[in-house]
């Protein structure tokens, strides 16, 4: 498997576009047909699948904003997991917009959850926040090196 940067570059060349599109499912801005679905997880998955289908072959990467999914609890996290898996299945590079950072042990848990192939998200990359210093970033860089991911 190629390193994250190589995979991203291949995708950019494949679609001829260097853009990354944010997936920010604001509940009040979802189409009425999606808002009418009875369960929030299915609303988020329906919307995400529609956006991914529309973007396929146009952009190389998508960036789900984790907060918009986590705000809906376990069903939102389920929808995020589904959206990430579907995006990867369709060939997108997935950058989780999570802005994770914390002390060493917690950062290691965040890195595993967001980037590791055995973790619940298995994204290609994740946004991190450097404000807590090198200790907060090192676990992400370690997982990226081993898993050939980006951060």
N, C-alpha and C. Protein backbone atom coordinates (compact mmCIF):
# COMPACT_ATOMS: atom_id res chain seq x y z
N UNK A 1 0.84 -1.19 0.00
CA UNK A 1 0.00 0.00 0.00
C UNK A 1 0.88 1.24 0.00
N UNK A 2 0.48 2.24 -0.75
CA UNK A 2 1.20 3.50 -0.81
C UNK A 2 0.97 4.31 0.45
N UNK A 3 1.91 5.18 0.75
CA UNK A 3 1.77 6.11 1.86
C UNK A 3 0.62 7.08 1.56
N UNK A 4 0.09 7.67 2.60
CA UNK A 4 -1.04 8.60 2.48
C UNK A 4 -0.81 9.67 1.40
N UNK A 5 0.35 10.31 1.43
CA UNK A 5 0.63 11.38 0.47
C UNK A 5 0.60 10.88 -0.97
N UNK A 6 1.12 9.68 -1.19
CA UNK A 6 1.10 9.11 -2.54
C UNK A 6 -0.32 8.79 -2.97
N UNK A 7 -1.11 8.22 -2.07
CA UNK A 7 -2.52 7.91 -2.39
C UNK A 7 -3.29 9.18 -2.71
N UNK A 8 -3.06 10.21 -1.91
CA UNK A 8 -3.75 11.48 -2.14
C UNK A 8 -3.36 12.05 -3.50
N UNK A 9 -2.09 12.06 -3.81
CA UNK A 9 -1.63 12.57 -5.09
C UNK A 9 -2.22 11.77 -6.25
N UNK A 10 -2.28 10.47 -6.12
CA UNK A 10 -2.89 9.63 -7.16
C UNK A 10 -4.36 10.00 -7.36
N UNK A 11 -5.07 10.22 -6.28
CA UNK A 11 -6.49 10.59 -6.39
C UNK A 11 -6.66 11.97 -7.02
N UNK A 12 -5.80 12.92 -6.64
CA UNK A 12 -5.86 14.26 -7.22
C UNK A 12 -5.67 14.16 -8.73
N UNK A 13 -4.68 13.40 -9.16
CA UNK A 13 -4.44 13.24 -10.60
C UNK A 13 -5.58 12.48 -11.28
N UNK A 14 -6.14 11.49 -10.59
CA UNK A 14 -7.22 10.69 -11.19
C UNK A 14 -8.45 11.54 -11.51
N UNK A 15 -8.77 12.48 -10.63
CA UNK A 15 -9.97 13.29 -10.86
C UNK A 15 -9.64 14.67 -11.43
N UNK A 16 -8.35 15.03 -11.43
CA UNK A 16 -7.95 16.33 -11.99
C UNK A 16 -8.38 17.51 -11.16
N UNK A 17 -8.42 17.32 -9.83
CA UNK A 17 -8.93 18.37 -8.97
C UNK A 17 -8.29 18.21 -7.59
N UNK A 18 -7.68 19.26 -7.03
CA UNK A 18 -7.03 19.14 -5.74
C UNK A 18 -7.91 19.46 -4.53
N UNK A 19 -9.21 19.51 -4.70
CA UNK A 19 -10.11 19.94 -3.64
C UNK A 19 -10.46 18.83 -2.66
N UNK A 20 -10.76 19.24 -1.45
CA UNK A 20 -11.30 18.37 -0.41
C UNK A 20 -12.61 19.01 0.04
N UNK A 21 -13.70 18.24 0.03
CA UNK A 21 -15.01 18.79 0.38
C UNK A 21 -15.40 18.38 1.79
N UNK A 22 -15.77 19.36 2.59
CA UNK A 22 -16.23 19.11 3.95
C UNK A 22 -17.63 18.55 3.96
N UNK A 23 -17.84 17.55 4.82
CA UNK A 23 -19.17 16.97 5.03
C UNK A 23 -19.64 17.43 6.39
N UNK A 24 -20.44 18.49 6.40
CA UNK A 24 -20.92 19.11 7.64
C UNK A 24 -22.45 19.05 7.68
N UNK A 25 -23.01 17.95 8.16
CA UNK A 25 -24.46 17.80 8.11
C UNK A 25 -25.20 18.61 9.17
N UNK A 26 -25.35 19.90 8.90
CA UNK A 26 -26.17 20.75 9.77
C UNK A 26 -27.61 20.23 9.69
N UNK A 27 -28.16 19.84 10.79
CA UNK A 27 -29.51 19.23 10.79
C UNK A 27 -30.56 20.11 10.12
N UNK A 28 -30.50 21.40 10.38
CA UNK A 28 -31.53 22.29 9.83
C UNK A 28 -31.31 22.62 8.36
N UNK A 29 -30.16 22.23 7.79
CA UNK A 29 -29.89 22.51 6.39
C UNK A 29 -30.00 21.28 5.49
N UNK A 30 -30.31 20.13 6.08
CA UNK A 30 -30.48 18.93 5.27
C UNK A 30 -31.73 19.08 4.40
N UNK A 31 -31.73 18.48 3.22
CA UNK A 31 -32.92 18.55 2.36
C UNK A 31 -34.17 18.05 3.11
N UNK A 32 -35.30 18.61 2.78
CA UNK A 32 -36.56 18.24 3.45
C UNK A 32 -36.82 16.74 3.37
N UNK A 33 -36.51 16.13 2.22
CA UNK A 33 -36.74 14.69 2.07
C UNK A 33 -35.90 13.89 3.06
N UNK A 34 -34.69 14.37 3.35
CA UNK A 34 -33.82 13.70 4.32
C UNK A 34 -34.31 13.98 5.74
N UNK A 35 -34.70 15.22 6.00
CA UNK A 35 -35.21 15.58 7.33
C UNK A 35 -36.45 14.77 7.70
N UNK A 36 -37.20 14.33 6.69
CA UNK A 36 -38.43 13.58 6.93
C UNK A 36 -38.18 12.14 7.37
N UNK A 37 -36.97 11.64 7.21
CA UNK A 37 -36.68 10.27 7.64
C UNK A 37 -36.82 10.20 9.16
N UNK A 38 -37.39 9.11 9.68
CA UNK A 38 -37.74 9.06 11.10
C UNK A 38 -36.56 8.93 12.07
N UNK A 39 -35.40 8.49 11.62
CA UNK A 39 -34.31 8.22 12.54
C UNK A 39 -33.07 9.01 12.14
N UNK A 40 -32.42 9.66 13.11
CA UNK A 40 -31.31 10.57 12.83
C UNK A 40 -30.14 9.87 12.15
N UNK A 41 -29.81 8.67 12.56
CA UNK A 41 -28.70 7.96 11.92
C UNK A 41 -28.95 7.76 10.44
N UNK A 42 -30.16 7.38 10.10
CA UNK A 42 -30.51 7.17 8.70
C UNK A 42 -30.56 8.49 7.93
N UNK A 43 -30.95 9.57 8.60
CA UNK A 43 -30.91 10.89 7.94
C UNK A 43 -29.48 11.24 7.56
N UNK A 44 -28.56 11.07 8.51
CA UNK A 44 -27.16 11.42 8.25
C UNK A 44 -26.55 10.52 7.18
N UNK A 45 -26.86 9.23 7.21
CA UNK A 45 -26.33 8.30 6.21
C UNK A 45 -26.92 8.62 4.84
N UNK A 46 -28.21 8.87 4.78
CA UNK A 46 -28.85 9.19 3.50
C UNK A 46 -28.23 10.44 2.89
N UNK A 47 -28.08 11.48 3.69
CA UNK A 47 -27.48 12.71 3.20
C UNK A 47 -26.04 12.46 2.76
N UNK A 48 -25.25 11.80 3.61
CA UNK A 48 -23.85 11.55 3.29
C UNK A 48 -23.67 10.73 2.02
N UNK A 49 -24.49 9.69 1.87
CA UNK A 49 -24.41 8.85 0.67
C UNK A 49 -24.75 9.67 -0.57
N UNK A 50 -25.75 10.52 -0.48
CA UNK A 50 -26.11 11.36 -1.62
C UNK A 50 -24.99 12.32 -2.00
N UNK A 51 -24.36 12.92 -1.01
CA UNK A 51 -23.26 13.85 -1.28
C UNK A 51 -22.08 13.09 -1.89
N UNK A 52 -21.75 11.93 -1.33
CA UNK A 52 -20.64 11.14 -1.87
C UNK A 52 -20.91 10.74 -3.31
N UNK A 53 -22.13 10.31 -3.59
CA UNK A 53 -22.47 9.94 -4.97
C UNK A 53 -22.31 11.13 -5.92
N UNK A 54 -22.70 12.32 -5.45
CA UNK A 54 -22.59 13.51 -6.29
C UNK A 54 -21.14 13.94 -6.51
N UNK A 55 -20.28 13.67 -5.56
CA UNK A 55 -18.88 14.09 -5.63
C UNK A 55 -17.96 13.09 -6.30
N UNK A 56 -18.44 11.87 -6.45
CA UNK A 56 -17.60 10.80 -6.98
C UNK A 56 -17.04 11.17 -8.36
N UNK A 57 -15.73 11.05 -8.49
CA UNK A 57 -15.07 11.36 -9.74
C UNK A 57 -14.79 12.84 -9.93
N UNK A 58 -15.23 13.67 -8.98
CA UNK A 58 -15.04 15.12 -9.09
C UNK A 58 -13.97 15.62 -8.12
N UNK A 59 -14.00 15.11 -6.90
CA UNK A 59 -13.00 15.50 -5.90
C UNK A 59 -12.31 14.25 -5.36
N UNK A 60 -11.06 14.38 -4.95
CA UNK A 60 -10.33 13.22 -4.45
C UNK A 60 -10.56 12.90 -2.98
N UNK A 61 -11.00 13.89 -2.21
CA UNK A 61 -11.06 13.72 -0.76
C UNK A 61 -12.29 14.38 -0.16
N UNK A 62 -12.75 13.79 0.93
CA UNK A 62 -13.84 14.37 1.71
C UNK A 62 -13.38 14.48 3.16
N UNK A 63 -14.01 15.41 3.89
CA UNK A 63 -13.60 15.71 5.26
C UNK A 63 -14.84 15.78 6.16
N UNK A 64 -15.29 14.63 6.68
CA UNK A 64 -16.44 14.67 7.58
C UNK A 64 -16.10 15.42 8.87
N UNK A 65 -16.96 16.37 9.25
CA UNK A 65 -16.80 17.12 10.49
C UNK A 65 -17.40 16.27 11.61
N UNK A 66 -16.54 15.71 12.43
CA UNK A 66 -16.93 14.75 13.45
C UNK A 66 -17.98 15.32 14.41
N UNK A 67 -17.86 16.57 14.79
CA UNK A 67 -18.78 17.16 15.77
C UNK A 67 -20.24 17.08 15.34
N UNK A 68 -20.50 17.27 14.04
CA UNK A 68 -21.88 17.23 13.58
C UNK A 68 -22.49 15.84 13.71
N UNK A 69 -21.65 14.83 13.68
CA UNK A 69 -22.12 13.45 13.86
C UNK A 69 -22.20 13.11 15.34
N UNK A 70 -21.14 13.43 16.10
CA UNK A 70 -21.12 13.12 17.53
C UNK A 70 -22.24 13.81 18.29
N UNK A 71 -22.70 14.94 17.80
CA UNK A 71 -23.78 15.67 18.47
C UNK A 71 -25.06 14.84 18.56
N UNK A 72 -25.17 13.80 17.74
CA UNK A 72 -26.36 12.95 17.73
C UNK A 72 -26.15 11.64 18.50
N UNK A 73 -25.09 11.56 19.28
CA UNK A 73 -24.86 10.39 20.11
C UNK A 73 -24.48 9.16 19.31
N UNK A 74 -24.87 8.00 19.84
CA UNK A 74 -24.43 6.74 19.22
C UNK A 74 -24.93 6.59 17.79
N UNK A 75 -26.10 7.09 17.47
CA UNK A 75 -26.60 6.99 16.09
C UNK A 75 -25.81 7.89 15.15
N UNK A 76 -25.37 9.02 15.65
CA UNK A 76 -24.53 9.89 14.84
C UNK A 76 -23.16 9.28 14.60
N UNK A 77 -22.59 8.66 15.63
CA UNK A 77 -21.28 8.00 15.47
C UNK A 77 -21.42 6.82 14.51
N UNK A 78 -22.52 6.07 14.62
CA UNK A 78 -22.79 4.99 13.67
C UNK A 78 -22.84 5.53 12.24
N UNK A 79 -23.52 6.66 12.06
CA UNK A 79 -23.63 7.27 10.73
C UNK A 79 -22.26 7.73 10.22
N UNK A 80 -21.44 8.28 11.10
CA UNK A 80 -20.10 8.69 10.71
C UNK A 80 -19.29 7.48 10.27
N UNK A 81 -19.34 6.41 11.03
CA UNK A 81 -18.61 5.19 10.66
C UNK A 81 -19.08 4.70 9.28
N UNK A 82 -20.37 4.69 9.07
CA UNK A 82 -20.92 4.25 7.79
C UNK A 82 -20.45 5.15 6.66
N UNK A 83 -20.47 6.46 6.89
CA UNK A 83 -20.07 7.42 5.87
C UNK A 83 -18.59 7.28 5.52
N UNK A 84 -17.75 7.08 6.53
CA UNK A 84 -16.32 6.89 6.29
C UNK A 84 -16.10 5.62 5.46
N UNK A 85 -16.74 4.53 5.84
CA UNK A 85 -16.58 3.27 5.10
C UNK A 85 -17.06 3.41 3.66
N UNK A 86 -18.18 4.07 3.48
CA UNK A 86 -18.73 4.25 2.13
C UNK A 86 -17.81 5.15 1.30
N UNK A 87 -17.29 6.21 1.90
CA UNK A 87 -16.38 7.10 1.18
C UNK A 87 -15.13 6.34 0.74
N UNK A 88 -14.58 5.54 1.61
CA UNK A 88 -13.39 4.78 1.25
C UNK A 88 -13.72 3.74 0.19
N UNK A 89 -14.89 3.12 0.30
CA UNK A 89 -15.30 2.14 -0.71
C UNK A 89 -15.40 2.79 -2.09
N UNK A 90 -15.85 4.02 -2.12
CA UNK A 90 -16.00 4.76 -3.39
C UNK A 90 -14.68 5.35 -3.88
N UNK A 91 -13.61 5.20 -3.12
CA UNK A 91 -12.30 5.65 -3.56
C UNK A 91 -11.85 7.01 -3.06
N UNK A 92 -12.64 7.64 -2.20
CA UNK A 92 -12.24 8.93 -1.64
C UNK A 92 -11.14 8.76 -0.60
N UNK A 93 -10.29 9.75 -0.49
CA UNK A 93 -9.41 9.88 0.67
C UNK A 93 -10.27 10.52 1.75
N UNK A 94 -10.24 9.98 2.96
CA UNK A 94 -11.07 10.50 4.05
C UNK A 94 -10.20 11.16 5.11
N UNK A 95 -10.46 12.45 5.33
CA UNK A 95 -9.79 13.23 6.36
C UNK A 95 -10.84 13.52 7.44
N UNK A 96 -10.70 12.91 8.60
CA UNK A 96 -11.65 13.22 9.68
C UNK A 96 -11.33 14.60 10.23
N UNK A 97 -12.30 15.47 10.23
CA UNK A 97 -12.13 16.80 10.79
C UNK A 97 -12.51 16.71 12.26
N UNK A 98 -11.52 16.29 13.08
CA UNK A 98 -11.79 16.03 14.49
C UNK A 98 -11.00 16.95 15.41
N UNK A 99 -9.93 17.55 14.90
CA UNK A 99 -9.08 18.44 15.68
C UNK A 99 -8.73 17.84 17.04
N UNK A 100 -8.29 16.60 17.03
CA UNK A 100 -7.97 15.88 18.26
C UNK A 100 -6.61 16.31 18.80
N UNK A 101 -6.51 16.33 20.10
CA UNK A 101 -5.26 16.58 20.80
C UNK A 101 -5.50 16.38 22.28
N UNK A 102 -4.52 15.83 22.95
CA UNK A 102 -4.62 15.64 24.39
C UNK A 102 -3.28 15.15 24.90
N UNK A 103 -3.21 14.84 26.18
CA UNK A 103 -1.98 14.30 26.74
C UNK A 103 -1.69 12.94 26.12
N UNK A 104 -0.48 12.44 26.31
CA UNK A 104 0.00 11.25 25.63
C UNK A 104 -0.94 10.06 25.58
N UNK A 105 -1.41 9.56 26.72
CA UNK A 105 -2.24 8.35 26.71
C UNK A 105 -3.57 8.58 26.02
N UNK A 106 -4.15 9.74 26.22
CA UNK A 106 -5.42 10.05 25.57
C UNK A 106 -5.21 10.27 24.07
N UNK A 107 -4.13 10.93 23.71
CA UNK A 107 -3.82 11.13 22.29
C UNK A 107 -3.60 9.79 21.61
N UNK A 108 -2.98 8.83 22.29
CA UNK A 108 -2.80 7.50 21.71
C UNK A 108 -4.15 6.85 21.43
N UNK A 109 -5.09 7.00 22.35
CA UNK A 109 -6.43 6.44 22.16
C UNK A 109 -7.14 7.12 20.98
N UNK A 110 -7.04 8.45 20.91
CA UNK A 110 -7.63 9.17 19.78
C UNK A 110 -7.01 8.71 18.46
N UNK A 111 -5.69 8.58 18.43
CA UNK A 111 -5.00 8.17 17.21
C UNK A 111 -5.45 6.78 16.77
N UNK A 112 -5.56 5.87 17.74
CA UNK A 112 -6.01 4.52 17.40
C UNK A 112 -7.45 4.55 16.87
N UNK A 113 -8.31 5.28 17.55
CA UNK A 113 -9.74 5.31 17.17
C UNK A 113 -9.94 5.92 15.79
N UNK A 114 -9.17 6.93 15.44
CA UNK A 114 -9.42 7.64 14.19
C UNK A 114 -8.65 7.09 13.01
N UNK A 115 -7.43 6.57 13.23
CA UNK A 115 -6.55 6.22 12.12
C UNK A 115 -6.21 4.74 11.97
N UNK A 116 -6.17 4.02 13.06
CA UNK A 116 -5.70 2.63 13.00
C UNK A 116 -6.69 1.76 12.22
N UNK A 117 -6.18 0.83 11.44
CA UNK A 117 -7.04 -0.06 10.65
C UNK A 117 -7.98 -0.89 11.54
N UNK A 118 -7.56 -1.15 12.78
CA UNK A 118 -8.41 -1.88 13.71
C UNK A 118 -9.31 -0.96 14.53
N UNK A 119 -9.19 0.34 14.34
CA UNK A 119 -10.00 1.30 15.08
C UNK A 119 -11.38 1.46 14.46
N UNK A 120 -12.29 2.11 15.14
CA UNK A 120 -13.66 2.24 14.63
C UNK A 120 -13.81 3.12 13.40
N UNK A 121 -12.89 4.05 13.13
CA UNK A 121 -13.04 4.94 11.98
C UNK A 121 -12.17 4.53 10.80
N UNK A 122 -10.92 4.19 11.02
CA UNK A 122 -10.00 3.80 9.95
C UNK A 122 -9.98 4.84 8.83
N UNK A 123 -9.90 6.12 9.22
CA UNK A 123 -9.80 7.20 8.24
C UNK A 123 -8.39 7.23 7.65
N UNK A 124 -8.23 7.94 6.55
CA UNK A 124 -6.92 8.09 5.93
C UNK A 124 -6.08 9.14 6.64
N UNK A 125 -6.75 10.09 7.27
CA UNK A 125 -6.07 11.21 7.91
C UNK A 125 -7.02 11.81 8.94
N UNK A 126 -6.45 12.60 9.85
CA UNK A 126 -7.28 13.28 10.85
C UNK A 126 -6.65 14.63 11.15
N UNK A 127 -7.49 15.63 11.38
CA UNK A 127 -6.97 16.92 11.79
C UNK A 127 -6.62 16.85 13.27
N UNK A 128 -5.51 17.48 13.63
CA UNK A 128 -5.07 17.51 15.02
C UNK A 128 -4.79 18.95 15.42
N UNK A 129 -4.75 19.18 16.71
CA UNK A 129 -4.46 20.51 17.22
C UNK A 129 -3.13 20.47 17.97
N UNK A 130 -2.19 21.32 17.62
CA UNK A 130 -0.85 21.25 18.19
C UNK A 130 -0.66 21.98 19.52
N UNK A 131 -1.69 22.58 20.05
CA UNK A 131 -1.52 23.50 21.17
C UNK A 131 -1.03 22.87 22.45
N UNK A 132 -1.16 21.58 22.62
CA UNK A 132 -0.67 20.93 23.83
C UNK A 132 0.76 20.43 23.68
N UNK A 133 1.37 20.70 22.54
CA UNK A 133 2.77 20.38 22.36
C UNK A 133 3.03 19.05 21.69
N UNK A 134 4.31 18.72 21.56
CA UNK A 134 4.73 17.52 20.82
C UNK A 134 4.15 16.22 21.37
N UNK A 135 3.99 16.13 22.69
CA UNK A 135 3.45 14.90 23.28
C UNK A 135 2.04 14.61 22.77
N UNK A 136 1.30 15.65 22.47
CA UNK A 136 -0.07 15.46 22.00
C UNK A 136 -0.13 15.04 20.53
N UNK A 137 0.94 15.30 19.79
CA UNK A 137 0.98 14.97 18.37
C UNK A 137 1.69 13.65 18.08
N UNK A 138 2.65 13.29 18.91
CA UNK A 138 3.48 12.12 18.66
C UNK A 138 2.68 10.83 18.42
N UNK A 139 1.63 10.56 19.21
CA UNK A 139 0.88 9.32 18.96
C UNK A 139 0.25 9.28 17.57
N UNK A 140 -0.21 10.41 17.07
CA UNK A 140 -0.78 10.47 15.72
C UNK A 140 0.29 10.20 14.67
N UNK A 141 1.45 10.82 14.86
CA UNK A 141 2.54 10.64 13.91
C UNK A 141 3.02 9.18 13.91
N UNK A 142 3.04 8.57 15.09
CA UNK A 142 3.45 7.16 15.19
C UNK A 142 2.49 6.26 14.44
N UNK A 143 1.19 6.45 14.66
CA UNK A 143 0.20 5.62 13.96
C UNK A 143 0.26 5.89 12.47
N UNK A 144 0.43 7.15 12.08
CA UNK A 144 0.52 7.48 10.66
C UNK A 144 1.70 6.76 10.00
N UNK A 145 2.82 6.72 10.68
CA UNK A 145 4.01 6.07 10.12
C UNK A 145 3.77 4.58 9.93
N UNK A 146 3.19 3.94 10.92
CA UNK A 146 2.97 2.49 10.87
C UNK A 146 1.83 2.14 9.90
N UNK A 147 0.75 2.90 9.93
CA UNK A 147 -0.44 2.60 9.14
C UNK A 147 -0.42 3.25 7.75
N UNK A 148 0.63 4.02 7.46
CA UNK A 148 0.76 4.76 6.21
C UNK A 148 -0.42 5.70 6.00
N UNK A 149 -0.71 6.45 7.04
CA UNK A 149 -1.80 7.42 7.03
C UNK A 149 -1.24 8.81 7.10
N UNK A 150 -2.11 9.82 7.09
CA UNK A 150 -1.68 11.21 7.18
C UNK A 150 -2.34 11.90 8.34
N UNK A 151 -1.70 12.92 8.85
CA UNK A 151 -2.28 13.66 9.96
C UNK A 151 -2.00 15.13 9.77
